[in-house]
Amino acid sequence: MAGNLKDREAYERLNYLYQAAHCVLSNNPENAELARFYCFTQKTITRRLVLRQ
C-alpha cells in the first residue's frame, strides 16, 4: 500500500509539471526554456519510476 502511495505522488508530480509547462507556454511562448526544464524534470521522474519497479 505504501508503494502505491509513492507512485501516486510521483504521478501527481508528473501531472503538475505537464500542466505547468503547458501554462507557461500558453501565457508566454518566449519562455520555452522553462517549459523545457519542466519536461526534463518529468523525464527524470519517469526514469526513476521505471528503475524502481
C-alpha atoms as a PDB file:
ATOM      1  CA  MET A   1       0.000   0.000   0.000  1.00  0.00           C
ATOM      2  CA  ALA A   2       2.813   2.434   0.829  1.00  0.00           C
ATOM      3  CA  GLY A   3       4.457   1.647  -2.514  1.00  0.00           C
ATOM      4  CA  ASN A   4       1.304   2.657  -4.335  1.00  0.00           C
ATOM      5  CA  LEU A   5       1.228   5.935  -2.430  1.00  0.00           C
ATOM      6  CA  LYS A   6       4.755   6.786  -3.592  1.00  0.00           C
ATOM      7  CA  ASP A   7       3.798   6.042  -7.181  1.00  0.00           C
ATOM      8  CA  ARG A   8       0.644   8.095  -6.836  1.00  0.00           C
ATOM      9  CA  GLU A   9       2.627  11.084  -5.581  1.00  0.00           C
ATOM     10  CA  ALA A  10       5.040  10.722  -8.476  1.00  0.00           C
ATOM     11  CA  TYR A  11       2.195  10.622 -10.992  1.00  0.00           C
ATOM     12  CA  GLU A  12       0.649  13.697  -9.398  1.00  0.00           C
ATOM     13  CA  ARG A  13       4.008  15.450  -9.667  1.00  0.00           C
ATOM     14  CA  LEU A  14       4.257  14.465 -13.343  1.00  0.00           C
ATOM     15  CA  ASN A  15       0.778  15.819 -13.966  1.00  0.00           C
ATOM     16  CA  TYR A  16       1.653  19.086 -12.229  1.00  0.00           C
ATOM     17  CA  LEU A  17       4.845  19.509 -14.255  1.00  0.00           C
ATOM     18  CA  TYR A  18       2.984  18.858 -17.501  1.00  0.00           C
ATOM     19  CA  GLN A  19       0.314  21.413 -16.631  1.00  0.00           C
ATOM     20  CA  ALA A  20       2.946  23.950 -15.553  1.00  0.00           C
ATOM     21  CA  ALA A  21       4.862  23.564 -18.826  1.00  0.00           C
ATOM     22  CA  HIS A  22       1.662  23.965 -20.819  1.00  0.00           C
ATOM     23  CA  CYS A  23       0.588  27.005 -18.793  1.00  0.00           C
ATOM     24  CA  VAL A  24       3.995  28.686 -19.140  1.00  0.00           C
ATOM     25  CA  LEU A  25       3.945  28.275 -22.921  1.00  0.00           C
ATOM     26  CA  SER A  26       0.366  29.449 -23.299  1.00  0.00           C
ATOM     27  CA  ASN A  27       0.988  32.580 -21.217  1.00  0.00           C
ATOM     28  CA  ASN A  28       4.390  33.466 -22.681  1.00  0.00           C
ATOM     29  CA  PRO A  29       5.615  31.498 -25.718  1.00  0.00           C
ATOM     30  CA  GLU A  30       9.080  33.053 -25.379  1.00  0.00           C
ATOM     31  CA  ASN A  31       9.539  31.176 -22.102  1.00  0.00           C
ATOM     32  CA  ALA A  32      10.281  27.858 -23.814  1.00  0.00           C
ATOM     33  CA  GLU A  33      13.406  27.322 -21.713  1.00  0.00           C
ATOM     34  CA  LEU A  34      11.358  26.970 -18.523  1.00  0.00           C
ATOM     35  CA  ALA A  35       8.929  24.585 -20.214  1.00  0.00           C
ATOM     36  CA  ARG A  36      11.900  22.515 -21.406  1.00  0.00           C
ATOM     37  CA  PHE A  37      13.192  22.348 -17.850  1.00  0.00           C
ATOM     38  CA  TYR A  38       9.819  21.092 -16.624  1.00  0.00           C
ATOM     39  CA  CYS A  39       9.810  18.401 -19.330  1.00  0.00           C
ATOM     40  CA  PHE A  40      13.368  17.390 -18.441  1.00  0.00           C
ATOM     41  CA  THR A  41      12.286  17.031 -14.809  1.00  0.00           C
ATOM     42  CA  GLN A  42       9.370  14.867 -15.967  1.00  0.00           C
ATOM     43  CA  LYS A  43      11.775  12.579 -17.817  1.00  0.00           C
ATOM     44  CA  THR A  44      13.960  12.274 -14.728  1.00  0.00           C
ATOM     45  CA  ILE A  45      10.999  11.264 -12.567  1.00  0.00           C
ATOM     46  CA  THR A  46       9.771   8.686 -15.085  1.00  0.00           C
ATOM     47  CA  ARG A  47      13.229   7.144 -15.328  1.00  0.00           C
ATOM     48  CA  ARG A  48      13.346   6.785 -11.557  1.00  0.00           C
ATOM     49  CA  LEU A  49       9.900   5.180 -11.513  1.00  0.00           C
ATOM     50  CA  VAL A  50      10.843   2.589 -14.117  1.00  0.00           C
ATOM     51  CA  LEU A  51      14.107   1.735 -12.380  1.00  0.00           C
ATOM     52  CA  ARG A  52      12.476   1.170  -9.002  1.00  0.00           C
ATOM     53  CA  GLN A  53       9.617  -1.034 -10.199  1.00  0.00           C
END
